[in-house]
Amino acid sequence: MGFDVFISHSSKDKAIADAACAALEAAGIRCWIAPRDIMPGTEYGAAIIDALDHCRVLVLIFSSNANESPQLRREVERAVSRAVPIVPVRIENVPPTKSMAYFVESVHW
């Protein structure tokens, strides 16, 4: 897999995540973002796991949508278990839920 950054985002924040991806890629940083990088015929969950297992950093697009997403919590948890650095990008001023805070409160926002 040829990428550096896994972009974790709620589908409701796709436009912002796509803009972040475009900015990073314009700077020469290779990104993986769903659904763009999930190959046709590949199981969604398996593709996420493979990408998380091969990324160098996870960029979390954090919003109220992300905060409530069980899928995002699983992605963040997987990154933490693999010692992948997490870079949260807060796009709304909302406090993390307790479940999300467990994983990201020690990270600089």
N, C-alpha and C. Protein backbone atom coordinates (compact mmCIF):
# COMPACT_ATOMS: atom_id res chain seq x y z
N MET A 1 0.84 -1.18 0.00
CA MET A 1 0.00 0.00 0.00
C MET A 1 0.89 1.24 0.00
N GLY A 2 0.59 2.15 -0.91
CA GLY A 2 1.43 3.32 -1.02
C GLY A 2 0.81 4.58 -0.47
N PHE A 3 0.73 4.68 0.84
CA PHE A 3 0.17 5.89 1.44
C PHE A 3 0.77 6.10 2.82
N ASP A 4 0.60 7.31 3.34
CA ASP A 4 1.13 7.67 4.65
C ASP A 4 0.02 7.89 5.68
N VAL A 5 -1.08 8.52 5.24
CA VAL A 5 -2.12 8.98 6.15
C VAL A 5 -3.44 8.28 5.88
N PHE A 6 -4.05 7.81 6.95
CA PHE A 6 -5.43 7.29 6.90
C PHE A 6 -6.31 8.42 7.40
N ILE A 7 -7.28 8.84 6.59
CA ILE A 7 -8.19 9.91 7.01
C ILE A 7 -9.48 9.28 7.51
N SER A 8 -9.74 9.46 8.80
CA SER A 8 -10.93 8.93 9.45
C SER A 8 -11.96 10.04 9.55
N HIS A 9 -13.15 9.79 9.03
CA HIS A 9 -14.18 10.82 9.00
C HIS A 9 -15.58 10.21 8.94
N SER A 10 -16.54 10.97 9.38
CA SER A 10 -17.94 10.59 9.21
C SER A 10 -18.33 10.85 7.76
N SER A 11 -19.18 9.99 7.23
CA SER A 11 -19.65 10.21 5.85
C SER A 11 -20.38 11.55 5.74
N LYS A 12 -20.93 12.03 6.85
CA LYS A 12 -21.62 13.33 6.84
C LYS A 12 -20.63 14.49 6.72
N ASP A 13 -19.36 14.24 6.96
CA ASP A 13 -18.31 15.26 6.86
C ASP A 13 -17.41 15.01 5.65
N LYS A 14 -17.93 14.28 4.66
CA LYS A 14 -17.12 13.88 3.51
C LYS A 14 -16.50 15.06 2.77
N ALA A 15 -17.24 16.14 2.58
CA ALA A 15 -16.69 17.29 1.85
C ALA A 15 -15.46 17.86 2.55
N ILE A 16 -15.50 17.95 3.85
CA ILE A 16 -14.36 18.46 4.62
C ILE A 16 -13.20 17.48 4.57
N ALA A 17 -13.51 16.19 4.71
CA ALA A 17 -12.47 15.16 4.65
C ALA A 17 -11.81 15.15 3.28
N ASP A 18 -12.61 15.29 2.22
CA ASP A 18 -12.04 15.33 0.87
C ASP A 18 -11.15 16.55 0.68
N ALA A 19 -11.54 17.69 1.26
CA ALA A 19 -10.71 18.90 1.17
C ALA A 19 -9.39 18.70 1.91
N ALA A 20 -9.44 18.08 3.09
CA ALA A 20 -8.22 17.80 3.85
C ALA A 20 -7.32 16.85 3.07
N CYS A 21 -7.93 15.84 2.47
CA CYS A 21 -7.18 14.89 1.66
C CYS A 21 -6.51 15.59 0.48
N ALA A 22 -7.25 16.45 -0.21
CA ALA A 22 -6.69 17.17 -1.35
C ALA A 22 -5.53 18.06 -0.94
N ALA A 23 -5.67 18.74 0.21
CA ALA A 23 -4.60 19.61 0.69
C ALA A 23 -3.35 18.80 1.04
N LEU A 24 -3.54 17.68 1.72
CA LEU A 24 -2.39 16.83 2.07
C LEU A 24 -1.72 16.27 0.82
N GLU A 25 -2.53 15.80 -0.12
CA GLU A 25 -1.95 15.23 -1.34
C GLU A 25 -1.27 16.30 -2.20
N ALA A 26 -1.77 17.52 -2.16
CA ALA A 26 -1.11 18.62 -2.88
C ALA A 26 0.27 18.90 -2.29
N ALA A 27 0.43 18.58 -1.01
CA ALA A 27 1.72 18.77 -0.33
C ALA A 27 2.61 17.53 -0.45
N GLY A 28 2.15 16.55 -1.23
CA GLY A 28 2.96 15.36 -1.46
C GLY A 28 2.78 14.26 -0.43
N ILE A 29 1.76 14.38 0.40
CA ILE A 29 1.49 13.37 1.43
C ILE A 29 0.43 12.41 0.88
N ARG A 30 0.78 11.15 0.81
CA ARG A 30 -0.11 10.15 0.23
C ARG A 30 -1.18 9.77 1.25
N CYS A 31 -2.45 9.81 0.84
CA CYS A 31 -3.57 9.56 1.74
C CYS A 31 -4.39 8.35 1.32
N TRP A 32 -4.99 7.74 2.32
CA TRP A 32 -6.00 6.70 2.11
C TRP A 32 -7.29 7.22 2.72
N ILE A 33 -8.37 7.21 1.95
CA ILE A 33 -9.65 7.70 2.43
C ILE A 33 -10.76 6.83 1.84
N ALA A 34 -11.69 6.47 2.68
CA ALA A 34 -12.85 5.70 2.21
C ALA A 34 -13.91 6.70 1.75
N PRO A 35 -14.69 6.37 0.81
CA PRO A 35 -14.73 5.12 0.05
C PRO A 35 -13.81 5.12 -1.18
N ARG A 36 -13.14 6.24 -1.43
CA ARG A 36 -12.31 6.37 -2.64
C ARG A 36 -11.34 5.22 -2.83
N ASP A 37 -10.68 4.81 -1.74
CA ASP A 37 -9.58 3.85 -1.86
C ASP A 37 -9.97 2.41 -1.56
N ILE A 38 -11.25 2.13 -1.48
CA ILE A 38 -11.70 0.75 -1.30
C ILE A 38 -11.94 0.18 -2.70
N MET A 39 -11.18 -0.83 -3.03
CA MET A 39 -11.25 -1.42 -4.37
C MET A 39 -12.58 -2.14 -4.56
N PRO A 40 -13.15 -2.05 -5.74
CA PRO A 40 -14.40 -2.75 -6.02
C PRO A 40 -14.27 -4.25 -5.70
N GLY A 41 -15.29 -4.77 -5.06
CA GLY A 41 -15.30 -6.18 -4.70
C GLY A 41 -14.63 -6.49 -3.37
N THR A 42 -13.99 -5.50 -2.77
CA THR A 42 -13.32 -5.69 -1.49
C THR A 42 -14.32 -5.45 -0.37
N GLU A 43 -14.25 -6.28 0.65
CA GLU A 43 -15.09 -6.10 1.82
C GLU A 43 -14.69 -4.80 2.52
N TYR A 44 -15.68 -3.98 2.85
CA TYR A 44 -15.44 -2.66 3.45
C TYR A 44 -14.60 -2.78 4.72
N GLY A 45 -15.03 -3.62 5.66
CA GLY A 45 -14.32 -3.77 6.93
C GLY A 45 -12.89 -4.24 6.75
N ALA A 46 -12.69 -5.19 5.84
CA ALA A 46 -11.35 -5.71 5.58
C ALA A 46 -10.44 -4.63 5.00
N ALA A 47 -10.99 -3.81 4.12
CA ALA A 47 -10.21 -2.72 3.53
C ALA A 47 -9.79 -1.71 4.59
N ILE A 48 -10.69 -1.41 5.52
CA ILE A 48 -10.38 -0.47 6.61
C ILE A 48 -9.24 -1.03 7.47
N ILE A 49 -9.37 -2.30 7.86
CA ILE A 49 -8.33 -2.94 8.69
C ILE A 49 -6.98 -2.93 7.98
N ASP A 50 -6.97 -3.32 6.70
CA ASP A 50 -5.70 -3.33 5.95
C ASP A 50 -5.08 -1.94 5.90
N ALA A 51 -5.90 -0.93 5.65
CA ALA A 51 -5.38 0.44 5.57
C ALA A 51 -4.85 0.90 6.92
N LEU A 52 -5.60 0.63 7.99
CA LEU A 52 -5.14 1.03 9.33
C LEU A 52 -3.86 0.31 9.73
N ASP A 53 -3.71 -0.91 9.30
CA ASP A 53 -2.50 -1.67 9.64
C ASP A 53 -1.27 -1.22 8.87
N HIS A 54 -1.46 -0.42 7.83
CA HIS A 54 -0.33 0.02 7.01
C HIS A 54 -0.10 1.52 6.99
N CYS A 55 -0.89 2.28 7.74
CA CYS A 55 -0.70 3.73 7.72
C CYS A 55 0.36 4.16 8.72
N ARG A 56 0.89 5.35 8.51
CA ARG A 56 1.89 5.91 9.42
C ARG A 56 1.26 6.84 10.44
N VAL A 57 0.09 7.42 10.07
CA VAL A 57 -0.62 8.33 10.96
C VAL A 57 -2.11 8.32 10.59
N LEU A 58 -2.95 8.54 11.58
CA LEU A 58 -4.39 8.67 11.36
C LEU A 58 -4.78 10.11 11.59
N VAL A 59 -5.41 10.72 10.60
CA VAL A 59 -5.95 12.07 10.75
C VAL A 59 -7.45 11.89 11.01
N LEU A 60 -7.88 12.34 12.17
CA LEU A 60 -9.27 12.22 12.58
C LEU A 60 -9.98 13.54 12.35
N ILE A 61 -10.92 13.58 11.41
CA ILE A 61 -11.75 14.75 11.19
C ILE A 61 -12.84 14.69 12.26
N PHE A 62 -12.68 15.52 13.30
CA PHE A 62 -13.52 15.41 14.49
C PHE A 62 -14.66 16.41 14.46
N SER A 63 -15.87 15.89 14.60
CA SER A 63 -17.09 16.69 14.60
C SER A 63 -18.11 15.99 15.48
N SER A 64 -19.28 16.58 15.62
CA SER A 64 -20.35 15.89 16.36
C SER A 64 -20.73 14.60 15.64
N ASN A 65 -20.66 14.60 14.32
CA ASN A 65 -20.95 13.39 13.56
C ASN A 65 -19.93 12.29 13.86
N ALA A 66 -18.66 12.65 13.86
CA ALA A 66 -17.60 11.69 14.16
C ALA A 66 -17.70 11.21 15.60
N ASN A 67 -18.03 12.13 16.47
CA ASN A 67 -18.12 11.84 17.90
C ASN A 67 -19.12 10.74 18.20
N GLU A 68 -20.19 10.69 17.43
CA GLU A 68 -21.26 9.72 17.67
C GLU A 68 -21.13 8.44 16.84
N SER A 69 -20.11 8.35 16.02
CA SER A 69 -19.98 7.23 15.09
C SER A 69 -19.25 6.03 15.71
N PRO A 70 -19.95 4.91 15.87
CA PRO A 70 -19.27 3.70 16.36
C PRO A 70 -18.15 3.25 15.40
N GLN A 71 -18.35 3.47 14.10
CA GLN A 71 -17.33 3.10 13.12
C GLN A 71 -16.03 3.87 13.36
N LEU A 72 -16.12 5.16 13.60
CA LEU A 72 -14.93 5.96 13.86
C LEU A 72 -14.24 5.54 15.15
N ARG A 73 -15.01 5.24 16.18
CA ARG A 73 -14.39 4.77 17.42
C ARG A 73 -13.60 3.50 17.17
N ARG A 74 -14.13 2.60 16.32
CA ARG A 74 -13.39 1.38 16.00
C ARG A 74 -12.10 1.69 15.25
N GLU A 75 -12.17 2.66 14.32
CA GLU A 75 -10.96 3.04 13.59
C GLU A 75 -9.91 3.63 14.52
N VAL A 76 -10.34 4.51 15.41
CA VAL A 76 -9.42 5.14 16.36
C VAL A 76 -8.85 4.08 17.31
N GLU A 77 -9.69 3.20 17.77
CA GLU A 77 -9.22 2.13 18.66
C GLU A 77 -8.19 1.25 17.97
N ARG A 78 -8.42 0.92 16.71
CA ARG A 78 -7.46 0.10 15.95
C ARG A 78 -6.13 0.84 15.82
N ALA A 79 -6.19 2.13 15.53
CA ALA A 79 -4.96 2.91 15.41
C ALA A 79 -4.20 2.92 16.73
N VAL A 80 -4.91 3.13 17.83
CA VAL A 80 -4.26 3.15 19.14
C VAL A 80 -3.61 1.79 19.43
N SER A 81 -4.32 0.71 19.12
CA SER A 81 -3.78 -0.63 19.41
C SER A 81 -2.55 -0.94 18.57
N ARG A 82 -2.42 -0.27 17.43
CA ARG A 82 -1.26 -0.45 16.55
C ARG A 82 -0.19 0.62 16.77
N ALA A 83 -0.38 1.48 17.78
CA ALA A 83 0.56 2.56 18.10
C ALA A 83 0.71 3.54 16.93
N VAL A 84 -0.36 3.76 16.19
CA VAL A 84 -0.37 4.72 15.10
C VAL A 84 -0.68 6.09 15.69
N PRO A 85 0.14 7.08 15.44
CA PRO A 85 -0.15 8.42 15.95
C PRO A 85 -1.48 8.94 15.38
N ILE A 86 -2.22 9.68 16.22
CA ILE A 86 -3.49 10.25 15.82
C ILE A 86 -3.38 11.77 15.83
N VAL A 87 -3.81 12.37 14.72
CA VAL A 87 -3.84 13.83 14.61
C VAL A 87 -5.30 14.23 14.45
N PRO A 88 -5.93 14.68 15.54
CA PRO A 88 -7.32 15.11 15.42
C PRO A 88 -7.41 16.52 14.84
N VAL A 89 -8.35 16.69 13.93
CA VAL A 89 -8.62 17.99 13.34
C VAL A 89 -10.06 18.32 13.70
N ARG A 90 -10.20 19.21 14.66
CA ARG A 90 -11.53 19.56 15.18
C ARG A 90 -12.19 20.56 14.24
N ILE A 91 -13.36 20.17 13.69
CA ILE A 91 -14.09 21.06 12.79
C ILE A 91 -15.34 21.62 13.47
N GLU A 92 -15.61 21.17 14.69
CA GLU A 92 -16.69 21.71 15.51
C GLU A 92 -16.19 21.75 16.95
N ASN A 93 -16.67 22.70 17.70
CA ASN A 93 -16.28 22.81 19.10
C ASN A 93 -17.22 21.96 19.96
N VAL A 94 -17.00 20.67 19.92
CA VAL A 94 -17.78 19.73 20.73
C VAL A 94 -16.81 18.88 21.55
N PRO A 95 -17.16 18.60 22.80
CA PRO A 95 -16.29 17.74 23.59
C PRO A 95 -16.45 16.28 23.15
N PRO A 96 -15.38 15.52 23.21
CA PRO A 96 -15.48 14.11 22.84
C PRO A 96 -16.37 13.35 23.84
N THR A 97 -17.07 12.35 23.34
CA THR A 97 -17.80 11.46 24.23
C THR A 97 -16.77 10.75 25.11
N LYS A 98 -17.23 10.11 26.17
CA LYS A 98 -16.30 9.39 27.04
C LYS A 98 -15.56 8.32 26.27
N SER A 99 -16.26 7.61 25.39
CA SER A 99 -15.61 6.56 24.60
C SER A 99 -14.52 7.13 23.70
N MET A 100 -14.81 8.26 23.06
CA MET A 100 -13.81 8.87 22.18
C MET A 100 -12.70 9.51 23.00
N ALA A 101 -13.05 10.14 24.10
CA ALA A 101 -12.06 10.79 24.96
C ALA A 101 -11.02 9.79 25.46
N TYR A 102 -11.45 8.59 25.73
CA TYR A 102 -10.53 7.54 26.20
C TYR A 102 -9.33 7.40 25.25
N PHE A 103 -9.58 7.58 23.96
CA PHE A 103 -8.53 7.38 22.97
C PHE A 103 -7.81 8.66 22.56
N VAL A 104 -8.49 9.81 22.61
CA VAL A 104 -7.88 11.01 22.02
C VAL A 104 -7.62 12.16 22.98
N GLU A 105 -8.02 12.06 24.23
CA GLU A 105 -7.84 13.20 25.12
C GLU A 105 -6.39 13.55 25.40
N SER A 106 -5.52 12.58 25.30
CA SER A 106 -4.10 12.86 25.58
C SER A 106 -3.39 13.45 24.37
N VAL A 107 -4.07 13.56 23.24
CA VAL A 107 -3.49 14.08 22.01
C VAL A 107 -3.72 15.58 21.93
N HIS A 108 -2.73 16.32 21.45
CA HIS A 108 -2.87 17.77 21.28
C HIS A 108 -3.85 18.07 20.17
N TRP A 109 -4.81 18.96 20.45
CA TRP A 109 -5.84 19.29 19.45
C TRP A 109 -5.39 20.50 18.65
